[in-house]
Amino acid sequence: MDLQAFKQRILPVQGRLFRLAQLFLRNREEAEDALQDVLLRLWTNRQQLDAYHSVEALAVQMTKNLCLDKLKAHNKQKTTDETDMQSLHAASISPYQQVEFADSAELIRNLIDAMPDQQKLILHLRDVEEYSFEEIEQITGLSVNNIRVILSRARQRLRDNYVKANDYEAGH
């Protein structure tokens, strides 16, 4: 693919990719960085792009994946920050409560990590990032009804597994 073909096929979708990145990242600068990364990757791999049926679909998927990676990295940092904040509040709760709280938080993280990717993504977008059902629909391409079912199942699964894990630990 030469420069002219790249401009004709990729640049028209640039606005859509930026809006998608901004929807995920909620930050203009990070969205611009993500868009630049995607465009650079597409340009670097321009010789292989003709093999794809829809370059736009590929670009959307690349943007979504890159943003999810950035969110994961951001959440790991946020978790570290939360741990630092917890240590500041440690004086107000007993050591037993601190350990119990840390164990519960770790258990929930592990239970979420063990979920199917689709449930994990929907749960994260809705309950952590607080996206509307319509925004999640735009991101995933799933219908709002489908999203509601997946979210309900994800929450139920998390609730059941959390109760099961706590009952098991209490019985031990």
C-alpha atoms as a PDB file:
ATOM      1  CA  MET A   1       0.000   0.000   0.000  1.00  0.00           C
ATOM      2  CA  ASP A   2       1.493   3.329  -1.028  1.00  0.00           C
ATOM      3  CA  LEU A   3       1.085   6.702   0.684  1.00  0.00           C
ATOM      4  CA  GLN A   4      -1.869   7.718  -1.516  1.00  0.00           C
ATOM      5  CA  ALA A   5      -3.819   4.502  -0.780  1.00  0.00           C
ATOM      6  CA  PHE A   6      -2.972   4.807   2.919  1.00  0.00           C
ATOM      7  CA  LYS A   7      -4.332   8.370   2.983  1.00  0.00           C
ATOM      8  CA  GLN A   8      -7.515   7.296   1.184  1.00  0.00           C
ATOM      9  CA  ARG A   9      -8.232   4.255   3.361  1.00  0.00           C
ATOM     10  CA  ILE A  10      -6.894   5.161   6.821  1.00  0.00           C
ATOM     11  CA  LEU A  11      -7.160   8.917   7.270  1.00  0.00           C
ATOM     12  CA  PRO A  12     -10.964   9.085   6.804  1.00  0.00           C
ATOM     13  CA  VAL A  13     -11.422   6.812   9.859  1.00  0.00           C
ATOM     14  CA  GLN A  14      -8.994   8.800  11.987  1.00  0.00           C
ATOM     15  CA  GLY A  15     -11.796  10.775  13.689  1.00  0.00           C
ATOM     16  CA  ARG A  16     -13.684   7.612  14.574  1.00  0.00           C
ATOM     17  CA  LEU A  17     -10.534   6.013  16.014  1.00  0.00           C
ATOM     18  CA  PHE A  18      -9.831   9.121  18.076  1.00  0.00           C
ATOM     19  CA  ARG A  19     -13.383   9.184  19.471  1.00  0.00           C
ATOM     20  CA  LEU A  20     -13.122   5.507  20.352  1.00  0.00           C
ATOM     21  CA  ALA A  21      -9.794   6.054  22.114  1.00  0.00           C
ATOM     22  CA  GLN A  22     -11.192   9.055  23.953  1.00  0.00           C
ATOM     23  CA  LEU A  23     -14.230   7.034  25.021  1.00  0.00           C
ATOM     24  CA  PHE A  24     -11.954   4.377  26.517  1.00  0.00           C
ATOM     25  CA  LEU A  25      -9.281   6.588  28.000  1.00  0.00           C
ATOM     26  CA  ARG A  26     -11.328   9.675  28.986  1.00  0.00           C
ATOM     27  CA  ASN A  27      -8.290  11.832  28.319  1.00  0.00           C
ATOM     28  CA  ARG A  28      -7.617  13.825  25.163  1.00  0.00           C
ATOM     29  CA  GLU A  29      -3.814  13.591  25.321  1.00  0.00           C
ATOM     30  CA  GLU A  30      -3.821   9.829  25.949  1.00  0.00           C
ATOM     31  CA  ALA A  31      -6.358   9.355  23.149  1.00  0.00           C
ATOM     32  CA  GLU A  32      -4.136  11.357  20.775  1.00  0.00           C
ATOM     33  CA  ASP A  33      -1.142   9.224  21.794  1.00  0.00           C
ATOM     34  CA  ALA A  34      -3.136   6.029  21.229  1.00  0.00           C
ATOM     35  CA  LEU A  35      -4.271   7.242  17.810  1.00  0.00           C
ATOM     36  CA  GLN A  36      -0.692   8.088  16.841  1.00  0.00           C
ATOM     37  CA  ASP A  37       0.451   4.624  17.967  1.00  0.00           C
ATOM     38  CA  VAL A  38      -2.256   2.935  15.886  1.00  0.00           C
ATOM     39  CA  LEU A  39      -1.513   5.053  12.805  1.00  0.00           C
ATOM     40  CA  LEU A  40       2.213   4.348  13.175  1.00  0.00           C
ATOM     41  CA  ARG A  41       1.589   0.598  13.485  1.00  0.00           C
ATOM     42  CA  LEU A  42      -0.697   0.655  10.460  1.00  0.00           C
ATOM     43  CA  TRP A  43       1.872   2.600   8.416  1.00  0.00           C
ATOM     44  CA  THR A  44       4.684   0.271   9.517  1.00  0.00           C
ATOM     45  CA  ASN A  45       2.622  -2.749   8.437  1.00  0.00           C
ATOM     46  CA  ARG A  46       1.124  -1.110   5.329  1.00  0.00           C
ATOM     47  CA  GLN A  47       2.417  -3.879   3.036  1.00  0.00           C
ATOM     48  CA  GLN A  48       0.217  -6.447   4.832  1.00  0.00           C
ATOM     49  CA  LEU A  49      -2.944  -4.277   4.965  1.00  0.00           C
ATOM     50  CA  ASP A  50      -4.180  -5.401   1.534  1.00  0.00           C
ATOM     51  CA  ALA A  51      -4.676  -8.883   2.986  1.00  0.00           C
ATOM     52  CA  TYR A  52      -7.424  -7.579   5.314  1.00  0.00           C
ATOM     53  CA  HIS A  53     -11.025  -7.432   4.143  1.00  0.00           C
ATOM     54  CA  SER A  54     -11.667  -4.266   6.172  1.00  0.00           C
ATOM     55  CA  VAL A  55      -8.733  -2.095   7.168  1.00  0.00           C
ATOM     56  CA  GLU A  56     -11.159   0.080   9.143  1.00  0.00           C
ATOM     57  CA  ALA A  57     -12.259  -2.895  11.264  1.00  0.00           C
ATOM     58  CA  LEU A  58      -8.602  -3.772  11.849  1.00  0.00           C
ATOM     59  CA  ALA A  59      -7.849  -0.175  12.896  1.00  0.00           C
ATOM     60  CA  VAL A  60     -10.837  -0.128  15.290  1.00  0.00           C
ATOM     61  CA  GLN A  61      -9.740  -3.451  16.823  1.00  0.00           C
ATOM     62  CA  MET A  62      -6.144  -2.218  17.180  1.00  0.00           C
ATOM     63  CA  THR A  63      -7.366   0.984  18.858  1.00  0.00           C
ATOM     64  CA  LYS A  64      -9.608  -0.949  21.251  1.00  0.00           C
ATOM     65  CA  ASN A  65      -6.813  -3.375  22.184  1.00  0.00           C
ATOM     66  CA  LEU A  66      -4.270  -0.602  22.675  1.00  0.00           C
ATOM     67  CA  CYS A  67      -6.684   1.326  24.896  1.00  0.00           C
ATOM     68  CA  LEU A  68      -7.471  -1.777  26.960  1.00  0.00           C
ATOM     69  CA  ASP A  69      -3.743  -2.330  27.460  1.00  0.00           C
ATOM     70  CA  LYS A  70      -3.362   1.276  28.598  1.00  0.00           C
ATOM     71  CA  LEU A  71      -6.308   0.884  30.997  1.00  0.00           C
ATOM     72  CA  LYS A  72      -4.802  -2.290  32.453  1.00  0.00           C
ATOM     73  CA  ALA A  73      -1.493  -0.534  33.019  1.00  0.00           C
ATOM     74  CA  HIS A  74      -3.320   2.462  34.511  1.00  0.00           C
ATOM     75  CA  ASN A  75      -5.375   0.220  36.828  1.00  0.00           C
ATOM     76  CA  LYS A  76      -2.258  -1.545  38.087  1.00  0.00           C
ATOM     77  CA  GLN A  77      -0.834   1.888  38.919  1.00  0.00           C
ATOM     78  CA  LYS A  78      -4.151   2.911  40.495  1.00  0.00           C
ATOM     79  CA  THR A  79      -4.153  -0.251  42.620  1.00  0.00           C
ATOM     80  CA  THR A  80      -0.658   0.623  43.855  1.00  0.00           C
ATOM     81  CA  ASP A  81      -1.850   4.152  44.644  1.00  0.00           C
ATOM     82  CA  GLU A  82      -4.873   2.757  46.499  1.00  0.00           C
ATOM     83  CA  THR A  83      -2.568   0.545  48.566  1.00  0.00           C
ATOM     84  CA  ASP A  84      -0.556   3.634  49.475  1.00  0.00           C
ATOM     85  CA  MET A  85      -3.760   5.436  50.481  1.00  0.00           C
ATOM     86  CA  GLN A  86      -4.843   2.434  52.548  1.00  0.00           C
ATOM     87  CA  SER A  87      -1.615   2.580  54.501  1.00  0.00           C
ATOM     88  CA  LEU A  88      -2.369   6.231  55.342  1.00  0.00           C
ATOM     89  CA  HIS A  89      -5.752   5.198  56.775  1.00  0.00           C
ATOM     90  CA  ALA A  90      -4.291   2.163  58.529  1.00  0.00           C
ATOM     91  CA  ALA A  91      -4.150   3.914  61.873  1.00  0.00           C
ATOM     92  CA  SER A  92      -7.952   4.129  62.022  1.00  0.00           C
ATOM     93  CA  ILE A  93      -8.628   0.375  61.581  1.00  0.00           C
ATOM     94  CA  SER A  94      -7.246  -2.636  63.384  1.00  0.00           C
ATOM     95  CA  PRO A  95      -4.505  -4.812  61.886  1.00  0.00           C
ATOM     96  CA  TYR A  96      -7.035  -7.663  61.621  1.00  0.00           C
ATOM     97  CA  GLN A  97      -9.383  -5.450  59.586  1.00  0.00           C
ATOM     98  CA  GLN A  98      -6.482  -4.334  57.384  1.00  0.00           C
ATOM     99  CA  VAL A  99      -5.579  -7.931  56.547  1.00  0.00           C
ATOM    100  CA  GLU A 100      -9.221  -8.865  55.963  1.00  0.00           C
ATOM    101  CA  PHE A 101      -9.724  -5.855  53.671  1.00  0.00           C
ATOM    102  CA  ALA A 102      -6.554  -6.633  51.678  1.00  0.00           C
ATOM    103  CA  ASP A 103      -7.548 -10.305  51.367  1.00  0.00           C
ATOM    104  CA  SER A 104     -11.035  -9.377  50.124  1.00  0.00           C
ATOM    105  CA  ALA A 105      -9.672  -6.911  47.579  1.00  0.00           C
ATOM    106  CA  GLU A 106      -7.173  -9.493  46.299  1.00  0.00           C
ATOM    107  CA  LEU A 107      -9.867 -12.178  46.126  1.00  0.00           C
ATOM    108  CA  ILE A 108     -12.148  -9.905  44.081  1.00  0.00           C
ATOM    109  CA  ARG A 109      -9.297  -9.004  41.707  1.00  0.00           C
ATOM    110  CA  ASN A 110      -8.493 -12.710  41.247  1.00  0.00           C
ATOM    111  CA  LEU A 111     -12.153 -13.609  40.681  1.00  0.00           C
ATOM    112  CA  ILE A 112     -12.505 -10.859  38.056  1.00  0.00           C
ATOM    113  CA  ASP A 113      -9.263 -11.940  36.352  1.00  0.00           C
ATOM    114  CA  ALA A 114     -10.646 -15.495  36.089  1.00  0.00           C
ATOM    115  CA  MET A 115     -13.820 -14.337  34.287  1.00  0.00           C
ATOM    116  CA  PRO A 116     -14.278 -14.742  30.520  1.00  0.00           C
ATOM    117  CA  ASP A 117     -12.855 -11.733  28.657  1.00  0.00           C
ATOM    118  CA  GLN A 118     -16.237 -10.450  27.493  1.00  0.00           C
ATOM    119  CA  GLN A 119     -17.703 -10.461  31.026  1.00  0.00           C
ATOM    120  CA  LYS A 120     -14.537  -8.885  32.397  1.00  0.00           C
ATOM    121  CA  LEU A 121     -14.608  -6.120  29.761  1.00  0.00           C
ATOM    122  CA  ILE A 122     -18.314  -5.299  30.250  1.00  0.00           C
ATOM    123  CA  LEU A 123     -18.000  -5.367  34.057  1.00  0.00           C
ATOM    124  CA  HIS A 124     -14.958  -3.091  33.876  1.00  0.00           C
ATOM    125  CA  LEU A 125     -16.516  -0.614  31.453  1.00  0.00           C
ATOM    126  CA  ARG A 126     -19.787  -0.378  33.408  1.00  0.00           C
ATOM    127  CA  ASP A 127     -18.784  -0.693  37.069  1.00  0.00           C
ATOM    128  CA  VAL A 128     -15.228   0.634  37.103  1.00  0.00           C
ATOM    129  CA  GLU A 129     -15.167   3.152  34.260  1.00  0.00           C
ATOM    130  CA  GLU A 130     -18.895   3.942  34.686  1.00  0.00           C
ATOM    131  CA  TYR A 131     -19.701   4.026  30.955  1.00  0.00           C
ATOM    132  CA  SER A 132     -23.349   4.179  29.924  1.00  0.00           C
ATOM    133  CA  PHE A 133     -24.927   1.182  28.203  1.00  0.00           C
ATOM    134  CA  GLU A 134     -24.998   3.192  24.969  1.00  0.00           C
ATOM    135  CA  GLU A 135     -21.260   3.911  25.193  1.00  0.00           C
ATOM    136  CA  ILE A 136     -20.545   0.228  25.854  1.00  0.00           C
ATOM    137  CA  GLU A 137     -22.729  -0.622  22.851  1.00  0.00           C
ATOM    138  CA  GLN A 138     -20.572   1.683  20.661  1.00  0.00           C
ATOM    139  CA  ILE A 139     -17.350   0.135  21.950  1.00  0.00           C
ATOM    140  CA  THR A 140     -18.299  -3.533  21.776  1.00  0.00           C
ATOM    141  CA  GLY A 141     -20.863  -3.595  18.987  1.00  0.00           C
ATOM    142  CA  LEU A 142     -23.180  -5.626  21.247  1.00  0.00           C
ATOM    143  CA  SER A 143     -26.821  -4.651  21.737  1.00  0.00           C
ATOM    144  CA  VAL A 144     -27.842  -2.960  25.003  1.00  0.00           C
ATOM    145  CA  ASN A 145     -29.953  -6.013  25.912  1.00  0.00           C
ATOM    146  CA  ASN A 146     -26.980  -8.293  25.332  1.00  0.00           C
ATOM    147  CA  ILE A 147     -24.780  -6.027  27.457  1.00  0.00           C
ATOM    148  CA  ARG A 148     -27.335  -6.082  30.291  1.00  0.00           C
ATOM    149  CA  VAL A 149     -27.458  -9.897  30.229  1.00  0.00           C
ATOM    150  CA  ILE A 150     -23.662 -10.232  30.177  1.00  0.00           C
ATOM    151  CA  LEU A 151     -23.307  -7.675  32.982  1.00  0.00           C
ATOM    152  CA  SER A 152     -25.958  -9.402  35.087  1.00  0.00           C
ATOM    153  CA  ARG A 153     -24.266 -12.771  34.623  1.00  0.00           C
ATOM    154  CA  ALA A 154     -20.837 -11.299  35.392  1.00  0.00           C
ATOM    155  CA  ARG A 155     -22.071  -9.702  38.617  1.00  0.00           C
ATOM    156  CA  GLN A 156     -23.892 -12.884  39.642  1.00  0.00           C
ATOM    157  CA  ARG A 157     -20.822 -14.981  38.901  1.00  0.00           C
ATOM    158  CA  LEU A 158     -18.615 -12.613  40.903  1.00  0.00           C
ATOM    159  CA  ARG A 159     -21.093 -12.585  43.813  1.00  0.00           C
ATOM    160  CA  ASP A 160     -21.470 -16.407  43.838  1.00  0.00           C
ATOM    161  CA  ASN A 161     -17.736 -17.061  43.606  1.00  0.00           C
ATOM    162  CA  TYR A 162     -16.989 -14.495  46.326  1.00  0.00           C
ATOM    163  CA  VAL A 163     -19.541 -16.054  48.682  1.00  0.00           C
ATOM    164  CA  LYS A 164     -18.304 -19.548  47.814  1.00  0.00           C
ATOM    165  CA  ALA A 165     -14.674 -18.557  48.490  1.00  0.00           C
ATOM    166  CA  ASN A 166     -15.576 -16.939  51.810  1.00  0.00           C
ATOM    167  CA  ASP A 167     -17.727 -19.883  52.889  1.00  0.00           C
ATOM    168  CA  TYR A 168     -14.902 -22.253  52.002  1.00  0.00           C
ATOM    169  CA  GLU A 169     -12.370 -20.200  53.960  1.00  0.00           C
ATOM    170  CA  ALA A 170     -14.728 -19.934  56.952  1.00  0.00           C
ATOM    171  CA  GLY A 171     -15.320 -23.705  56.919  1.00  0.00           C
ATOM    172  CA  HIS A 172     -11.611 -24.434  56.864  1.00  0.00           C
END
